[in-house]
Amino acid sequence: MKTIKKPIIILTIVFLLLLIIFSPYIKAEYLTLKYGKQFEGLEEQTNMLSNSRYYKVLSYSKSKAKVFYVSDTGDVITFIKAKDVWEIEEWKTVWSKSGSADSFYWPYYR
């Protein structure tokens, strides 16, 4: 009986750790699937970023959203909804191929 309990406990702990590590990615994938079309191409509002290769919706509410855009840089843009239009509230470049903006952001995308 003891030999069966130990592997089950270890597998449960490993599963829970993996669930904790990957939960931000799962959340971002879900939010991107559900709300992502609203944010397609909105990085162009900055007038500085090139078209993104992909983007992930990191958080979403009816009035505020945080989206991570990946092109030559990784940019987190916070949008607020004003008169049914998403407008940039904050823009932060968290990494760049040139190394000029290198910080850590979770979930990690490159």
C-alpha atoms as a PDB file:
ATOM      1  CA  MET A   1       0.000   0.000   0.000  1.00  0.00           C
ATOM      2  CA  LYS A   2       2.843   2.430   0.803  1.00  0.00           C
ATOM      3  CA  THR A   3       4.489   1.876  -2.565  1.00  0.00           C
ATOM      4  CA  ILE A   4       1.321   2.967  -4.395  1.00  0.00           C
ATOM      5  CA  LYS A   5       0.742   6.124  -2.333  1.00  0.00           C
ATOM      6  CA  LYS A   6       4.207   7.588  -2.851  1.00  0.00           C
ATOM      7  CA  PRO A   7       4.078   7.731  -6.698  1.00  0.00           C
ATOM      8  CA  ILE A   8       0.541   9.114  -6.593  1.00  0.00           C
ATOM      9  CA  ILE A   9       1.600  11.878  -4.213  1.00  0.00           C
ATOM     10  CA  ILE A  10       4.656  12.713  -6.338  1.00  0.00           C
ATOM     11  CA  LEU A  11       2.595  12.784  -9.548  1.00  0.00           C
ATOM     12  CA  THR A  12      -0.009  14.998  -7.883  1.00  0.00           C
ATOM     13  CA  ILE A  13       2.653  17.465  -6.736  1.00  0.00           C
ATOM     14  CA  VAL A  14       4.264  17.538 -10.196  1.00  0.00           C
ATOM     15  CA  PHE A  15       0.858  18.051 -11.827  1.00  0.00           C
ATOM     16  CA  LEU A  16       0.008  20.929  -9.479  1.00  0.00           C
ATOM     17  CA  LEU A  17       3.379  22.607 -10.093  1.00  0.00           C
ATOM     18  CA  LEU A  18       2.927  22.329 -13.859  1.00  0.00           C
ATOM     19  CA  LEU A  19      -0.592  23.708 -13.562  1.00  0.00           C
ATOM     20  CA  ILE A  20       0.704  26.712 -11.593  1.00  0.00           C
ATOM     21  CA  ILE A  21       3.524  27.348 -14.081  1.00  0.00           C
ATOM     22  CA  PHE A  22       1.355  27.082 -17.193  1.00  0.00           C
ATOM     23  CA  SER A  23      -1.839  28.737 -15.917  1.00  0.00           C
ATOM     24  CA  PRO A  24      -0.866  32.232 -17.213  1.00  0.00           C
ATOM     25  CA  TYR A  25      -0.316  30.756 -20.677  1.00  0.00           C
ATOM     26  CA  ILE A  26      -3.623  28.936 -20.574  1.00  0.00           C
ATOM     27  CA  LYS A  27      -5.374  32.137 -19.476  1.00  0.00           C
ATOM     28  CA  ALA A  28      -3.675  34.176 -22.244  1.00  0.00           C
ATOM     29  CA  GLU A  29      -4.614  31.613 -24.890  1.00  0.00           C
ATOM     30  CA  TYR A  30      -8.221  31.580 -23.712  1.00  0.00           C
ATOM     31  CA  LEU A  31      -8.501  35.377 -23.615  1.00  0.00           C
ATOM     32  CA  THR A  32      -6.835  35.683 -27.021  1.00  0.00           C
ATOM     33  CA  LEU A  33      -9.255  33.194 -28.553  1.00  0.00           C
ATOM     34  CA  LYS A  34     -12.257  34.891 -26.982  1.00  0.00           C
ATOM     35  CA  TYR A  35     -11.366  38.612 -27.328  1.00  0.00           C
ATOM     36  CA  GLY A  36      -8.292  38.760 -29.568  1.00  0.00           C
ATOM     37  CA  LYS A  37      -9.964  39.978 -32.775  1.00  0.00           C
ATOM     38  CA  GLN A  38     -10.752  43.295 -31.043  1.00  0.00           C
ATOM     39  CA  PHE A  39      -7.024  44.027 -30.656  1.00  0.00           C
ATOM     40  CA  GLU A  40      -5.762  42.952 -34.072  1.00  0.00           C
ATOM     41  CA  GLY A  41      -3.715  45.802 -35.533  1.00  0.00           C
ATOM     42  CA  LEU A  42      -4.241  48.181 -32.611  1.00  0.00           C
ATOM     43  CA  GLU A  43      -0.479  48.375 -31.997  1.00  0.00           C
ATOM     44  CA  GLU A  44      -0.457  50.762 -34.967  1.00  0.00           C
ATOM     45  CA  GLN A  45      -1.987  53.420 -32.684  1.00  0.00           C
ATOM     46  CA  THR A  46       1.526  53.957 -31.322  1.00  0.00           C
ATOM     47  CA  ASN A  47       2.708  55.163 -34.762  1.00  0.00           C
ATOM     48  CA  MET A  48       6.062  53.574 -33.902  1.00  0.00           C
ATOM     49  CA  LEU A  49       5.592  49.801 -33.755  1.00  0.00           C
ATOM     50  CA  SER A  50       5.735  47.622 -36.833  1.00  0.00           C
ATOM     51  CA  ASN A  51       2.999  45.091 -37.491  1.00  0.00           C
ATOM     52  CA  SER A  52       3.141  42.355 -34.915  1.00  0.00           C
ATOM     53  CA  ARG A  53       3.852  38.720 -35.755  1.00  0.00           C
ATOM     54  CA  TYR A  54       1.419  37.700 -33.044  1.00  0.00           C
ATOM     55  CA  TYR A  55      -0.268  39.039 -29.940  1.00  0.00           C
ATOM     56  CA  LYS A  56      -1.708  37.645 -26.728  1.00  0.00           C
ATOM     57  CA  VAL A  57      -4.445  39.119 -24.572  1.00  0.00           C
ATOM     58  CA  LEU A  58      -3.078  38.954 -21.014  1.00  0.00           C
ATOM     59  CA  SER A  59      -6.048  40.463 -19.177  1.00  0.00           C
ATOM     60  CA  TYR A  60      -9.469  41.673 -20.214  1.00  0.00           C
ATOM     61  CA  SER A  61     -12.450  43.473 -18.741  1.00  0.00           C
ATOM     62  CA  LYS A  62     -15.198  45.463 -20.447  1.00  0.00           C
ATOM     63  CA  SER A  63     -13.295  48.713 -19.941  1.00  0.00           C
ATOM     64  CA  LYS A  64      -9.605  47.723 -19.788  1.00  0.00           C
ATOM     65  CA  ALA A  65      -7.309  45.186 -21.432  1.00  0.00           C
ATOM     66  CA  LYS A  66      -3.610  44.343 -21.458  1.00  0.00           C
ATOM     67  CA  VAL A  67      -2.199  42.919 -24.711  1.00  0.00           C
ATOM     68  CA  PHE A  68       1.309  41.661 -25.475  1.00  0.00           C
ATOM     69  CA  TYR A  69       2.443  42.310 -29.075  1.00  0.00           C
ATOM     70  CA  VAL A  70       5.511  40.598 -30.555  1.00  0.00           C
ATOM     71  CA  SER A  71       7.381  41.978 -33.577  1.00  0.00           C
ATOM     72  CA  ASP A  72      11.018  43.076 -33.433  1.00  0.00           C
ATOM     73  CA  THR A  73      10.203  44.029 -29.858  1.00  0.00           C
ATOM     74  CA  GLY A  74       7.922  42.707 -27.157  1.00  0.00           C
ATOM     75  CA  ASP A  75       5.434  45.361 -26.105  1.00  0.00           C
ATOM     76  CA  VAL A  76       2.758  45.312 -23.436  1.00  0.00           C
ATOM     77  CA  ILE A  77       0.028  47.777 -24.294  1.00  0.00           C
ATOM     78  CA  THR A  78      -2.755  48.607 -21.871  1.00  0.00           C
ATOM     79  CA  PHE A  79      -5.956  49.732 -23.554  1.00  0.00           C
ATOM     80  CA  ILE A  80      -8.990  51.476 -22.109  1.00  0.00           C
ATOM     81  CA  LYS A  81     -12.356  51.525 -23.791  1.00  0.00           C
ATOM     82  CA  ALA A  82     -13.664  55.010 -24.499  1.00  0.00           C
ATOM     83  CA  LYS A  83     -16.888  55.418 -26.481  1.00  0.00           C
ATOM     84  CA  ASP A  84     -16.741  51.773 -27.625  1.00  0.00           C
ATOM     85  CA  VAL A  85     -13.202  52.245 -29.029  1.00  0.00           C
ATOM     86  CA  TRP A  86     -10.016  50.780 -27.548  1.00  0.00           C
ATOM     87  CA  GLU A  87      -7.402  53.489 -26.937  1.00  0.00           C
ATOM     88  CA  ILE A  88      -3.863  53.176 -25.573  1.00  0.00           C
ATOM     89  CA  GLU A  89      -3.513  54.028 -21.911  1.00  0.00           C
ATOM     90  CA  GLU A  90       0.032  52.737 -21.378  1.00  0.00           C
ATOM     91  CA  TRP A  91       2.735  51.226 -23.564  1.00  0.00           C
ATOM     92  CA  LYS A  92       5.828  49.444 -22.288  1.00  0.00           C
ATOM     93  CA  THR A  93       8.525  47.728 -24.317  1.00  0.00           C
ATOM     94  CA  VAL A  94       9.737  44.793 -22.248  1.00  0.00           C
ATOM     95  CA  TRP A  95      12.301  43.303 -24.632  1.00  0.00           C
ATOM     96  CA  SER A  96      14.085  44.116 -27.856  1.00  0.00           C
ATOM     97  CA  LYS A  97      16.356  42.167 -30.203  1.00  0.00           C
ATOM     98  CA  SER A  98      18.870  44.977 -29.912  1.00  0.00           C
ATOM     99  CA  GLY A  99      18.927  44.550 -26.127  1.00  0.00           C
ATOM    100  CA  SER A 100      17.888  48.125 -25.444  1.00  0.00           C
ATOM    101  CA  ALA A 101      14.789  47.028 -23.537  1.00  0.00           C
ATOM    102  CA  ASP A 102      15.405  43.850 -21.649  1.00  0.00           C
ATOM    103  CA  SER A 103      13.187  43.068 -18.694  1.00  0.00           C
ATOM    104  CA  PHE A 104      11.275  40.083 -17.454  1.00  0.00           C
ATOM    105  CA  TYR A 105       7.539  39.774 -17.970  1.00  0.00           C
ATOM    106  CA  TRP A 106       5.280  36.866 -17.151  1.00  0.00           C
ATOM    107  CA  PRO A 107       3.921  35.033 -19.049  1.00  0.00           C
ATOM    108  CA  TYR A 108       7.109  34.835 -21.028  1.00  0.00           C
ATOM    109  CA  TYR A 109       6.721  35.170 -24.811  1.00  0.00           C
ATOM    110  CA  ARG A 110       9.405  35.809 -27.441  1.00  0.00           C
END
